Amino acid sequence: MKAAMKWKKLGKLFDPTEHTLLENGAGFAQSPQTLVLADRVRVYFSTRERDSVGKYLSHIAYADFSRDMSRLLGVSTQPVLPLGGLGCFDEHGIFPINVLQDGDRVLAYTTGWNRKVSVSADASIGLAISHDAGQTFQRHGTGPVLTASLNEPFLVADAFVQRYGDVYHMWYIYGTKWQKFSETAPPDRVYKIAHATSADGIDWRRDGRQIISDRLNADECQALPTVIALDGVYHMYFCYRQAYGFRQDPSRGYRIGYAHSTDLEHWVRDDSLAGIDVSAEGWDAQMQCYPHLFQVDGKAYLLYNGNEFGRHGFGIAVLDR
């Protein structure tokens, strides 16, 4: 029996309502993800603005913190990457972004969104590269590096990439279906977690296989995998929810799930070992979602969003070892 992880919540770390992130900003600081630098920890997140017809556009901003995560050092005033051009996979938003220090460059794996007619949106994974410590990024081409395929027909998103030895590993999600669960509601999506590998971080090999078992039912939605290596074991956190009714009923909303592995491919899910759950009250009492694991100065941290999918910002927990 594997021992449970134990996380100590340190509270909300960043509130987007306290900062001017975009000229037409509409709040949100979703999917916090880190780049550990020599003198700070840069936390990227997705924030929103409204376009000319009142619909959301998602942009990537960042906040810099001291390496002990106790002090906010500064907040970006411009998006780190413009949205894609007319008709591109990332025309209407980038959410989330995952960054990886790779030698003297920073690789950014973006989830680009574009609106559809019969369903709300589709997504693909793009690549951008920074040569200024992650302040700005340039696209590696205008198209995605991972997109719909024979066995992954839509909603390819939520990349998390780590390099172990000479192999880049990506955990990501793919859509399995859109379905109307009631006559009056718009279609809802179902998506699962998968794994891909690459020798260069650009060309990826994948098999379209769901690697994390379902807990709720076959329509469980699994999102935003994040992986950390501790004591010879790989630990994955992710979030999961019911496919429909999650916006109205907090009990059907996102919770944090957990799985572990010794080979990066085969995962044993046991959410009872996650060591973190919603609070009794407050900003993360109704929902926990979009987790991100990272290590700095001998400590392991977990960033995550709370109620309303990150409208009110993100919080942090530290692993009690």
Protein backbone atom coordinates (compact mmCIF):
# COMPACT_ATOMS: atom_id res chain seq x y z
CA MET A 1 0.00 0.00 0.00
CA LYS A 2 1.47 3.31 -1.08
CA ALA A 3 1.48 6.06 1.56
CA ALA A 4 -0.74 9.10 1.02
CA MET A 5 0.70 12.43 -0.02
CA LYS A 6 0.25 15.20 2.56
CA TRP A 7 -0.24 18.76 1.38
CA LYS A 8 -0.38 21.85 3.60
CA LYS A 9 -2.50 24.59 2.09
CA LEU A 10 -0.85 28.01 2.23
CA GLY A 11 -3.90 29.87 0.92
CA LYS A 12 -4.67 31.92 -2.15
CA LEU A 13 -1.48 33.16 -3.81
CA PHE A 14 -2.75 35.45 -6.57
CA ASP A 15 -6.02 37.33 -7.13
CA PRO A 16 -6.50 38.71 -10.68
CA THR A 17 -8.97 41.35 -9.49
CA GLU A 18 -6.10 43.15 -7.76
CA HIS A 19 -4.19 43.74 -11.00
CA THR A 20 -4.75 45.23 -14.45
CA LEU A 21 -3.77 42.34 -16.69
CA LEU A 22 -5.42 43.35 -19.99
CA GLU A 23 -6.93 46.58 -21.29
CA ASN A 24 -10.36 44.96 -21.64
CA GLY A 25 -9.71 42.43 -18.90
CA ALA A 26 -12.47 40.19 -17.58
CA GLY A 27 -10.61 38.59 -14.70
CA PHE A 28 -9.49 34.97 -14.28
CA ALA A 29 -6.03 33.57 -13.58
CA GLN A 30 -6.41 29.99 -14.79
CA SER A 31 -4.02 27.05 -14.94
CA PRO A 32 -0.93 28.44 -13.14
CA GLN A 33 2.29 26.85 -14.44
CA THR A 34 5.85 27.62 -13.41
CA LEU A 35 9.27 28.44 -14.78
CA VAL A 36 11.87 28.29 -11.99
CA LEU A 37 14.53 30.96 -12.58
CA ALA A 38 17.72 31.76 -10.66
CA ASP A 39 16.18 34.58 -8.66
CA ARG A 40 12.42 33.97 -8.90
CA VAL A 41 9.60 31.65 -9.87
CA ARG A 42 7.62 32.85 -12.88
CA VAL A 43 4.01 31.64 -12.84
CA TYR A 44 2.19 31.74 -16.17
CA PHE A 45 -1.59 31.70 -16.25
CA SER A 46 -4.46 32.31 -18.63
CA THR A 47 -6.51 35.46 -18.22
CA ARG A 48 -9.47 36.74 -20.23
CA GLU A 49 -10.81 39.73 -22.06
CA ARG A 50 -14.04 40.25 -23.98
CA ASP A 51 -14.00 40.81 -27.72
CA SER A 52 -16.21 43.17 -29.75
CA VAL A 53 -19.20 40.81 -29.55
CA GLY A 54 -18.81 40.14 -25.83
CA LYS A 55 -17.23 36.68 -26.05
CA TYR A 56 -14.14 35.67 -24.10
CA LEU A 57 -10.62 35.61 -25.51
CA SER A 58 -7.90 33.92 -23.43
CA HIS A 59 -4.37 35.32 -23.18
CA ILE A 60 -1.23 34.24 -21.31
CA ALA A 61 0.22 36.52 -18.62
CA TYR A 62 2.60 35.83 -15.75
CA ALA A 63 3.38 36.83 -12.17
CA ASP A 64 6.85 36.63 -10.62
CA PHE A 65 7.32 35.38 -7.05
CA SER A 66 10.30 35.01 -4.73
CA ARG A 67 11.74 31.51 -4.75
CA ASP A 68 10.12 30.71 -1.40
CA MET A 69 6.76 31.74 -2.95
CA SER A 70 6.14 34.26 -0.17
CA ARG A 71 6.37 37.55 -2.10
CA LEU A 72 4.89 38.81 -5.36
CA LEU A 73 7.68 40.56 -7.29
CA GLY A 74 5.79 41.77 -10.34
CA VAL A 75 3.09 41.08 -12.91
CA SER A 76 3.34 41.21 -16.70
CA THR A 77 1.44 44.02 -18.39
CA GLN A 78 1.20 42.46 -21.86
CA PRO A 79 0.42 38.93 -23.09
CA VAL A 80 3.58 36.89 -23.68
CA LEU A 81 2.25 35.61 -27.01
CA PRO A 82 -0.35 37.12 -29.37
CA LEU A 83 -3.33 35.05 -30.44
CA GLY A 84 -3.21 33.19 -33.73
CA GLY A 85 -4.29 34.64 -37.05
CA LEU A 86 -7.58 34.34 -38.87
CA GLY A 87 -8.68 30.71 -39.04
CA CYS A 88 -5.75 29.39 -36.98
CA PHE A 89 -6.12 26.81 -34.22
CA ASP A 90 -5.37 29.44 -31.56
CA GLU A 91 -7.39 32.33 -33.03
CA HIS A 92 -9.70 32.75 -30.02
CA GLY A 93 -7.54 31.88 -27.05
CA ILE A 94 -4.53 30.20 -25.47
CA PHE A 95 -5.38 28.20 -22.36
CA PRO A 96 -3.33 26.71 -20.83
CA ILE A 97 0.41 27.10 -21.49
CA ASN A 98 3.08 24.72 -20.17
CA VAL A 99 6.72 25.81 -20.12
CA LEU A 100 9.93 23.78 -19.97
CA GLN A 101 13.49 25.05 -19.55
CA ASP A 102 15.45 23.28 -22.29
CA GLY A 103 19.08 24.38 -22.34
CA ASP A 104 19.27 28.10 -23.06
CA ARG A 105 15.73 28.25 -24.43
CA VAL A 106 12.27 27.90 -22.92
CA LEU A 107 9.76 25.69 -24.71
CA ALA A 108 6.10 26.62 -24.34
CA TYR A 109 3.38 24.11 -25.20
CA THR A 110 0.20 26.07 -25.79
CA THR A 111 -3.38 24.95 -25.97
CA GLY A 112 -4.96 26.99 -28.73
CA TRP A 113 -8.75 27.37 -28.93
CA ASN A 114 -10.98 28.27 -31.83
CA ARG A 115 -14.74 28.61 -31.93
CA LYS A 116 -16.97 26.17 -33.79
CA VAL A 117 -20.57 26.22 -35.00
CA SER A 118 -22.14 22.91 -33.92
CA VAL A 119 -20.14 22.79 -30.65
CA SER A 120 -18.54 25.57 -28.64
CA ALA A 121 -14.85 25.10 -29.48
CA ASP A 122 -11.99 22.87 -30.58
CA ALA A 123 -8.39 22.78 -29.38
CA SER A 124 -4.90 21.74 -30.47
CA ILE A 125 -1.41 21.92 -28.95
CA GLY A 126 1.10 24.40 -30.33
CA LEU A 127 4.76 25.15 -29.65
CA ALA A 128 6.40 28.51 -29.00
CA ILE A 129 10.00 29.21 -27.99
CA SER A 130 11.53 31.92 -25.79
CA HIS A 131 15.13 33.14 -25.81
CA ASP A 132 14.65 35.82 -23.12
CA ALA A 133 13.96 33.68 -20.03
CA GLY A 134 10.28 33.38 -20.80
CA GLN A 135 9.36 37.06 -21.10
CA THR A 136 8.24 36.68 -24.72
CA PHE A 137 7.69 33.71 -27.03
CA GLN A 138 7.73 33.18 -30.78
CA ARG A 139 5.67 30.49 -32.48
CA HIS A 140 7.43 27.48 -33.99
CA GLY A 141 5.20 27.76 -37.06
CA THR A 142 1.58 28.82 -37.28
CA GLY A 143 0.07 25.36 -36.91
CA PRO A 144 -0.06 22.89 -34.02
CA VAL A 145 2.43 20.15 -33.13
CA LEU A 146 -0.37 17.88 -31.83
CA THR A 147 -3.92 17.98 -33.12
CA ALA A 148 -6.88 15.76 -33.98
CA SER A 149 -6.06 12.30 -35.32
CA LEU A 150 -7.74 9.03 -36.21
CA ASN A 151 -8.19 7.93 -32.59
CA GLU A 152 -8.21 11.40 -31.01
CA PRO A 153 -10.85 13.20 -33.07
CA PHE A 154 -10.97 16.60 -31.30
CA LEU A 155 -10.01 18.63 -28.22
CA VAL A 156 -6.30 17.77 -28.08
CA ALA A 157 -5.11 20.01 -25.26
CA ASP A 158 -3.55 20.49 -21.80
CA ALA A 159 0.02 19.44 -22.61
CA PHE A 160 2.44 18.89 -19.72
CA VAL A 161 5.99 18.14 -20.90
CA GLN A 162 9.04 16.90 -19.02
CA ARG A 163 12.37 15.61 -20.29
CA TYR A 164 13.76 12.44 -18.75
CA GLY A 165 17.12 11.44 -20.24
CA ASP A 166 16.97 11.93 -23.99
CA VAL A 167 13.19 11.57 -24.24
CA TYR A 168 10.54 14.27 -24.01
CA HIS A 169 7.34 13.01 -22.39
CA MET A 170 4.00 14.73 -22.87
CA TRP A 171 0.84 14.05 -20.94
CA TYR A 172 -2.21 15.65 -22.49
CA ILE A 173 -5.96 15.24 -23.01
CA TYR A 174 -8.05 14.30 -26.03
CA GLY A 175 -11.77 14.42 -26.63
CA THR A 176 -13.76 11.22 -27.01
CA LYS A 177 -17.19 12.67 -27.78
CA TRP A 178 -19.56 15.62 -27.67
CA GLN A 179 -23.01 14.79 -26.33
CA LYS A 180 -26.27 16.54 -25.48
CA PHE A 181 -27.18 15.27 -22.02
CA SER A 182 -30.49 17.16 -22.07
CA GLU A 183 -32.72 18.53 -24.84
CA THR A 184 -32.36 22.14 -23.73
CA ALA A 185 -28.62 22.22 -22.97
CA PRO A 186 -25.80 22.73 -25.48
CA PRO A 187 -23.48 19.76 -26.16
CA ASP A 188 -20.97 18.88 -23.45
CA ARG A 189 -17.53 17.37 -24.07
CA VAL A 190 -15.82 14.27 -22.67
CA TYR A 191 -12.03 14.02 -22.58
CA LYS A 192 -9.33 11.68 -21.22
CA ILE A 193 -5.61 11.74 -20.43
CA ALA A 194 -3.03 10.23 -22.81
CA HIS A 195 0.77 10.09 -23.21
CA ALA A 196 3.18 10.87 -26.07
CA THR A 197 6.96 10.82 -26.49
CA SER A 198 9.42 12.72 -28.67
CA ALA A 199 13.13 12.85 -29.40
CA ASP A 200 13.15 16.59 -30.12
CA GLY A 201 10.05 18.07 -28.47
CA ILE A 202 8.48 18.77 -31.88
CA ASP A 203 7.54 15.47 -33.53
CA TRP A 204 5.45 13.31 -31.18
CA ARG A 205 4.60 9.60 -31.12
CA ARG A 206 1.24 8.67 -29.56
CA ASP A 207 -1.21 5.80 -29.52
CA GLY A 208 -4.46 7.47 -28.42
CA ARG A 209 -4.72 5.28 -25.32
CA GLN A 210 -6.46 6.44 -22.15
CA ILE A 211 -3.88 5.98 -19.37
CA ILE A 212 -5.88 7.07 -16.29
CA SER A 213 -8.84 4.91 -15.27
CA ASP A 214 -12.27 6.45 -14.73
CA ARG A 215 -13.61 6.89 -11.22
CA LEU A 216 -17.02 8.48 -11.71
CA ASN A 217 -18.28 6.81 -14.89
CA ALA A 218 -17.33 6.38 -18.54
CA ASP A 219 -18.22 10.02 -19.22
CA GLU A 220 -15.82 11.36 -16.59
CA CYS A 221 -13.84 14.37 -17.84
CA GLN A 222 -10.13 14.34 -16.98
CA ALA A 223 -8.02 17.47 -17.43
CA LEU A 224 -4.61 19.06 -16.95
CA PRO A 225 -2.20 16.29 -15.96
CA THR A 226 0.99 17.34 -14.13
CA VAL A 227 3.84 15.01 -13.12
CA ILE A 228 6.64 15.13 -10.56
CA ALA A 229 9.36 12.61 -9.62
CA LEU A 230 9.91 11.99 -5.90
CA ASP A 231 11.77 9.13 -4.20
CA GLY A 232 11.87 6.97 -7.31
CA VAL A 233 8.15 7.28 -8.03
CA TYR A 234 6.32 9.44 -10.57
CA HIS A 235 3.28 11.22 -9.18
CA MET A 236 0.53 12.60 -11.41
CA TYR A 237 -2.11 15.08 -10.32
CA PHE A 238 -5.02 16.08 -12.56
CA CYS A 239 -8.59 17.27 -12.19
CA TYR A 240 -11.79 15.44 -13.03
CA ARG A 241 -15.53 16.14 -13.07
CA GLN A 242 -18.89 14.96 -14.29
CA ALA A 243 -19.54 15.66 -17.96
CA TYR A 244 -22.67 17.76 -17.38
CA GLY A 245 -24.36 19.74 -14.63
CA PHE A 246 -20.99 20.83 -13.23
CA ARG A 247 -21.66 24.54 -13.61
CA GLN A 248 -24.85 24.41 -11.54
CA ASP A 249 -24.05 21.71 -8.98
CA PRO A 250 -20.76 22.08 -7.04
CA SER A 251 -20.75 18.36 -6.19
CA ARG A 252 -20.38 17.61 -9.92
CA GLY A 253 -17.54 20.10 -10.40
CA TYR A 254 -13.80 19.57 -10.62
CA ARG A 255 -11.88 17.73 -7.93
CA ILE A 256 -8.19 16.82 -7.86
CA GLY A 257 -7.24 13.25 -8.72
CA TYR A 258 -4.00 11.33 -8.22
CA ALA A 259 -2.10 8.44 -9.83
CA HIS A 260 1.41 7.03 -9.50
CA SER A 261 3.80 5.17 -11.79
CA THR A 262 7.29 3.69 -11.88
CA ASP A 263 7.74 3.71 -15.69
CA LEU A 264 5.94 6.88 -16.91
CA GLU A 265 3.52 4.82 -19.01
CA HIS A 266 1.44 2.64 -16.67
CA TRP A 267 -0.42 4.51 -13.95
CA VAL A 268 -2.32 3.35 -10.87
CA ARG A 269 -5.08 5.74 -9.88
CA ASP A 270 -5.98 6.21 -6.22
CA ASP A 271 -7.54 9.58 -5.42
CA SER A 272 -7.61 8.73 -1.72
CA LEU A 273 -3.82 9.26 -1.70
CA ALA A 274 -3.97 12.77 -3.20
CA GLY A 275 -3.70 14.46 0.19
CA ILE A 276 -5.73 17.55 -0.74
CA ASP A 277 -9.44 18.32 -1.13
CA VAL A 278 -11.87 21.22 -1.24
CA SER A 279 -12.02 23.44 1.85
CA ALA A 280 -15.01 23.70 4.17
CA GLU A 281 -15.53 27.30 3.05
CA GLY A 282 -13.88 29.99 1.00
CA TRP A 283 -12.34 30.38 -2.44
CA ASP A 284 -11.71 26.64 -2.99
CA ALA A 285 -14.74 25.17 -1.21
CA GLN A 286 -16.80 24.38 -4.33
CA MET A 287 -14.09 23.35 -6.77
CA GLN A 288 -10.42 22.46 -7.14
CA CYS A 289 -8.99 22.34 -10.63
CA TYR A 290 -6.00 22.86 -12.93
CA PRO A 291 -3.23 21.55 -10.64
CA HIS A 292 0.47 22.14 -11.29
CA LEU A 293 3.39 20.47 -9.50
CA PHE A 294 6.88 21.96 -9.24
CA GLN A 295 9.99 21.83 -7.05
CA VAL A 296 12.29 24.62 -5.89
CA ASP A 297 14.99 24.69 -3.21
CA GLY A 298 14.18 21.23 -1.91
CA LYS A 299 10.45 21.77 -1.55
CA ALA A 300 7.58 20.48 -3.66
CA TYR A 301 4.60 22.75 -4.30
CA LEU A 302 1.15 22.37 -5.81
CA LEU A 303 -0.58 25.31 -7.50
CA TYR A 304 -4.28 25.05 -8.28
CA ASN A 305 -7.45 27.00 -9.05
CA GLY A 306 -10.58 27.08 -6.94
CA ASN A 307 -14.20 28.10 -7.43
CA GLU A 308 -15.49 29.16 -10.87
CA PHE A 309 -12.54 27.72 -12.80
CA GLY A 310 -10.01 30.29 -11.61
CA ARG A 311 -12.10 33.44 -11.75
CA HIS A 312 -10.78 34.33 -8.30
CA GLY A 313 -7.15 33.34 -8.84
CA PHE A 314 -4.93 30.48 -7.72
CA GLY A 315 -3.61 29.10 -4.48
CA ILE A 316 -0.64 27.07 -3.32
CA ALA A 317 0.10 24.10 -1.09
CA VAL A 318 3.45 22.69 0.05
CA LEU A 319 4.21 18.98 0.39
CA ASP A 320 4.79 17.84 3.96
CA ARG A 321 7.58 15.29 3.65
